[in-house]
């Protein structure tokens, strides 16, 4: 289990504790790779029982690759700090791997009652790349992850989409028919329309092979 973090003291203890409780003997380790947080993220992760690593710089791709390098497991599971997993995540991943899938993710719901966000979440059940995202988590066999070169660290944004596309070109990809809970904080800090426009703009530029650094800079300007 690998969790990239930056200033996630509010969420990290609860997530690590949940993983260790429901993962029992199957989850060999929880690795939190921190991007030099300025809050108590690392301390909270350690208190909860995680292995903590400090990345040389803040980049989700680099942080997740560092975690994968230090992982001893045969299956890697990448999770964002502000999500809530389902209790059955270990069984779900085991069953997916045993069924021949080398990688996969979950559907999701937002921790919000807003109807428009329920509509957004509905589309995560479909298999299009625009319906994917790091918030859905990503599990992948370690040998396949290494074979594909892991996350491309030149992608300072959209790194998860780029890896999923590589997986789907040659391997079966499972969308587990259960929903995890993800934070709606991005929508709380921005209007729904503003977030949608930012997402669509970045997707458009991604498919045009726009430089990742410029995409990331634009995305930050478009959102609070």
Protein backbone atom coordinates (compact mmCIF):
# COMPACT_ATOMS: atom_id res chain seq x y z
CA UNK A 1 0.00 0.00 0.00
CA UNK A 2 1.53 3.29 -1.12
CA UNK A 3 0.16 6.72 -0.19
CA UNK A 4 1.71 9.93 -1.60
CA UNK A 5 1.13 12.86 0.73
CA UNK A 6 1.56 16.58 1.10
CA UNK A 7 -0.01 18.31 4.12
CA UNK A 8 -2.55 15.57 4.79
CA UNK A 9 -2.43 15.52 8.62
CA UNK A 10 -6.22 15.70 8.71
CA UNK A 11 -6.69 12.41 6.88
CA UNK A 12 -3.58 10.24 7.05
CA UNK A 13 -3.90 8.70 10.52
CA UNK A 14 -7.45 7.53 9.89
CA UNK A 15 -6.54 6.00 6.51
CA UNK A 16 -3.45 4.15 7.72
CA UNK A 17 -5.31 2.83 10.75
CA UNK A 18 -8.17 1.63 8.52
CA UNK A 19 -5.81 -0.13 6.11
CA UNK A 20 -3.90 -1.94 8.83
CA UNK A 21 -7.11 -2.99 10.58
CA UNK A 22 -8.89 -4.34 7.49
CA UNK A 23 -5.74 -5.51 5.71
CA UNK A 24 -4.73 -7.70 8.64
CA UNK A 25 -1.91 -10.12 7.68
CA UNK A 26 -2.40 -9.66 3.93
CA UNK A 27 -1.16 -6.06 3.68
CA UNK A 28 2.59 -6.40 4.19
CA UNK A 29 3.20 -2.68 4.72
CA UNK A 30 1.71 0.77 4.40
CA UNK A 31 4.24 3.17 2.88
CA UNK A 32 3.57 6.88 3.13
CA UNK A 33 5.80 8.88 0.78
CA UNK A 34 5.70 12.50 1.80
CA UNK A 35 6.49 15.46 -0.42
CA UNK A 36 8.07 17.50 2.37
CA UNK A 37 4.89 18.51 4.16
CA UNK A 38 4.89 21.58 6.39
CA UNK A 39 2.35 20.10 8.80
CA UNK A 40 2.30 16.94 10.97
CA UNK A 41 1.54 14.46 8.18
CA UNK A 42 4.68 12.36 8.68
CA UNK A 43 4.28 12.16 12.44
CA UNK A 44 0.61 11.21 12.16
CA UNK A 45 1.45 8.50 9.60
CA UNK A 46 4.15 7.07 11.86
CA UNK A 47 1.83 7.12 14.89
CA UNK A 48 -0.71 5.11 12.89
CA UNK A 49 1.89 2.47 11.99
CA UNK A 50 3.04 3.44 8.49
CA UNK A 51 6.53 3.29 7.06
CA UNK A 52 7.40 6.85 6.05
CA UNK A 53 9.71 8.07 3.32
CA UNK A 54 10.57 11.66 2.41
CA UNK A 55 10.73 12.35 -1.31
CA UNK A 56 13.44 14.72 -2.60
CA UNK A 57 10.72 16.90 -4.13
CA UNK A 58 6.94 17.04 -4.30
CA UNK A 59 5.70 15.06 -7.29
CA UNK A 60 3.06 12.33 -7.05
CA UNK A 61 4.71 10.28 -9.81
CA UNK A 62 8.13 10.43 -8.13
CA UNK A 63 6.64 9.81 -4.68
CA UNK A 64 4.70 6.76 -5.84
CA UNK A 65 7.69 5.35 -7.71
CA UNK A 66 9.79 5.73 -4.57
CA UNK A 67 7.16 3.88 -2.56
CA UNK A 68 7.00 1.10 -5.16
CA UNK A 69 10.79 0.74 -5.06
CA UNK A 70 10.68 0.15 -1.30
CA UNK A 71 7.62 -2.11 -1.36
CA UNK A 72 8.09 -5.82 -0.66
CA UNK A 73 4.64 -6.86 -1.90
CA UNK A 74 3.74 -8.61 -5.17
CA UNK A 75 0.80 -6.25 -5.72
CA UNK A 76 1.05 -2.47 -5.38
CA UNK A 77 -1.96 -0.43 -4.28
CA UNK A 78 -1.74 3.34 -4.72
CA UNK A 79 -4.18 5.35 -2.62
CA UNK A 80 -4.74 9.07 -2.07
CA UNK A 81 -4.76 10.23 1.54
CA UNK A 82 -8.23 11.78 1.56
CA UNK A 83 -10.27 8.78 0.39
CA UNK A 84 -12.17 6.16 2.36
CA UNK A 85 -11.77 2.58 1.20
CA UNK A 86 -14.36 -0.19 1.38
CA UNK A 87 -13.81 -2.78 4.12
CA UNK A 88 -13.39 -5.54 1.54
CA UNK A 89 -10.52 -3.95 -0.39
CA UNK A 90 -8.11 -6.86 0.23
CA UNK A 91 -10.60 -9.47 -0.93
CA UNK A 92 -11.62 -7.35 -3.93
CA UNK A 93 -8.03 -7.02 -5.14
CA UNK A 94 -7.23 -10.69 -4.51
CA UNK A 95 -10.30 -11.81 -6.47
CA UNK A 96 -9.45 -9.45 -9.34
CA UNK A 97 -5.87 -10.75 -9.58
CA UNK A 98 -7.01 -14.37 -9.35
CA UNK A 99 -9.49 -13.70 -12.18
CA UNK A 100 -6.64 -12.67 -14.49
CA UNK A 101 -6.64 -8.89 -14.10
CA UNK A 102 -3.19 -7.37 -13.60
CA UNK A 103 -4.48 -3.95 -12.55
CA UNK A 104 -7.62 -2.10 -11.65
CA UNK A 105 -9.40 0.54 -9.61
CA UNK A 106 -12.69 1.32 -7.87
CA UNK A 107 -15.67 3.41 -8.75
CA UNK A 108 -16.21 6.32 -6.40
CA UNK A 109 -18.74 8.56 -4.71
CA UNK A 110 -18.11 12.01 -3.27
CA UNK A 111 -18.51 12.83 0.41
CA UNK A 112 -21.20 15.29 -0.64
CA UNK A 113 -24.96 15.19 -1.16
CA UNK A 114 -24.83 17.48 -4.21
CA UNK A 115 -26.73 15.92 -7.10
CA UNK A 116 -24.28 17.17 -9.72
CA UNK A 117 -21.42 15.35 -7.96
CA UNK A 118 -23.49 12.17 -7.87
CA UNK A 119 -23.80 12.50 -11.64
CA UNK A 120 -20.02 12.93 -11.96
CA UNK A 121 -19.41 9.86 -9.81
CA UNK A 122 -21.87 7.74 -11.84
CA UNK A 123 -19.57 7.80 -14.85
CA UNK A 124 -16.68 6.19 -12.94
CA UNK A 125 -18.32 2.80 -13.61
CA UNK A 126 -17.44 3.04 -17.31
CA UNK A 127 -14.19 1.96 -18.94
CA UNK A 128 -13.21 5.14 -20.79
CA UNK A 129 -9.94 6.83 -19.85
CA UNK A 130 -11.79 10.08 -19.13
CA UNK A 131 -13.73 8.23 -16.43
CA UNK A 132 -10.53 7.35 -14.57
CA UNK A 133 -8.39 9.19 -12.05
CA UNK A 134 -6.04 8.78 -9.12
CA UNK A 135 -8.90 9.31 -6.65
CA UNK A 136 -10.20 5.87 -7.66
CA UNK A 137 -7.00 4.24 -6.35
CA UNK A 138 -4.91 1.92 -8.52
CA UNK A 139 -3.81 -1.63 -7.84
CA UNK A 140 -1.29 -3.30 -10.13
CA UNK A 141 0.96 -6.34 -10.03
CA UNK A 142 4.47 -5.22 -9.21
CA UNK A 143 6.11 -7.11 -12.07
CA UNK A 144 3.79 -5.41 -14.57
CA UNK A 145 4.38 -2.02 -12.94
CA UNK A 146 8.14 -2.50 -13.32
CA UNK A 147 7.79 -3.83 -16.86
CA UNK A 148 5.89 -0.69 -17.87
CA UNK A 149 8.47 1.56 -16.21
CA UNK A 150 6.23 2.73 -13.38
CA UNK A 151 4.90 6.26 -13.38
CA UNK A 152 6.53 8.59 -15.88
CA UNK A 153 8.10 11.24 -13.66
CA UNK A 154 8.00 13.83 -16.43
CA UNK A 155 4.23 13.84 -15.85
CA UNK A 156 3.77 16.25 -12.96
CA UNK A 157 0.05 15.97 -13.70
CA UNK A 158 -1.99 13.18 -15.34
CA UNK A 159 0.60 10.59 -14.30
CA UNK A 160 -2.11 8.09 -13.34
CA UNK A 161 -3.92 8.39 -16.68
CA UNK A 162 -0.67 7.86 -18.56
CA UNK A 163 0.10 4.65 -16.68
CA UNK A 164 -3.45 3.32 -16.97
CA UNK A 165 -3.34 3.87 -20.72
CA UNK A 166 -0.13 1.81 -20.90
CA UNK A 167 -1.75 -0.95 -18.87
CA UNK A 168 -4.89 -1.07 -20.99
CA UNK A 169 -2.92 -1.38 -24.23
CA UNK A 170 -1.68 -4.82 -23.26
CA UNK A 171 -3.46 -6.11 -20.18
CA UNK A 172 -6.96 -6.59 -18.72
CA UNK A 173 -7.99 -3.77 -16.37
CA UNK A 174 -10.64 -4.28 -13.69
CA UNK A 175 -13.10 -1.67 -12.45
CA UNK A 176 -14.27 -3.10 -9.14
CA UNK A 177 -18.08 -2.62 -8.95
CA UNK A 178 -17.94 -0.99 -5.53
CA UNK A 179 -17.57 2.67 -4.62
CA UNK A 180 -14.93 4.23 -2.41
CA UNK A 181 -15.58 7.65 -0.89
CA UNK A 182 -13.52 10.59 -2.11
CA UNK A 183 -13.24 14.13 -0.84
CA UNK A 184 -15.24 16.85 -2.57
CA UNK A 185 -12.89 19.55 -1.22
CA UNK A 186 -11.83 20.63 -4.70
CA UNK A 187 -15.48 21.41 -5.48
CA UNK A 188 -15.90 23.16 -2.13
CA UNK A 189 -13.08 25.54 -2.97
CA UNK A 190 -14.20 26.11 -6.55
CA UNK A 191 -17.50 26.01 -8.40
CA UNK A 192 -18.53 22.78 -10.14
CA UNK A 193 -18.29 24.50 -13.51
CA UNK A 194 -14.81 25.82 -12.77
CA UNK A 195 -13.52 22.36 -11.88
CA UNK A 196 -15.13 20.79 -14.94
CA UNK A 197 -13.62 23.40 -17.26
CA UNK A 198 -10.20 22.89 -15.71
CA UNK A 199 -10.45 19.10 -16.04
CA UNK A 200 -11.65 19.22 -19.64
CA UNK A 201 -8.93 21.71 -20.56
CA UNK A 202 -6.22 19.48 -19.12
CA UNK A 203 -7.64 16.39 -20.83
CA UNK A 204 -7.68 18.22 -24.15
CA UNK A 205 -4.07 19.32 -23.72
CA UNK A 206 -3.03 15.85 -22.54
CA UNK A 207 -4.34 14.23 -25.70
CA UNK A 208 -2.50 16.90 -27.70
CA UNK A 209 0.75 15.88 -25.94
CA UNK A 210 1.11 19.27 -24.31
CA UNK A 211 4.15 19.54 -21.97
CA UNK A 212 3.14 18.28 -18.49
CA UNK A 213 4.83 21.20 -16.70
CA UNK A 214 2.72 23.69 -18.66
CA UNK A 215 -0.44 21.67 -18.03
CA UNK A 216 0.24 21.60 -14.29
CA UNK A 217 0.91 25.35 -14.18
CA UNK A 218 -2.31 26.07 -16.08
CA UNK A 219 -4.34 23.77 -13.83
CA UNK A 220 -3.08 25.57 -10.73
CA UNK A 221 -4.03 28.94 -12.23
CA UNK A 222 -7.53 27.72 -13.08
CA UNK A 223 -8.36 26.40 -9.59
CA UNK A 224 -8.03 27.64 -6.02
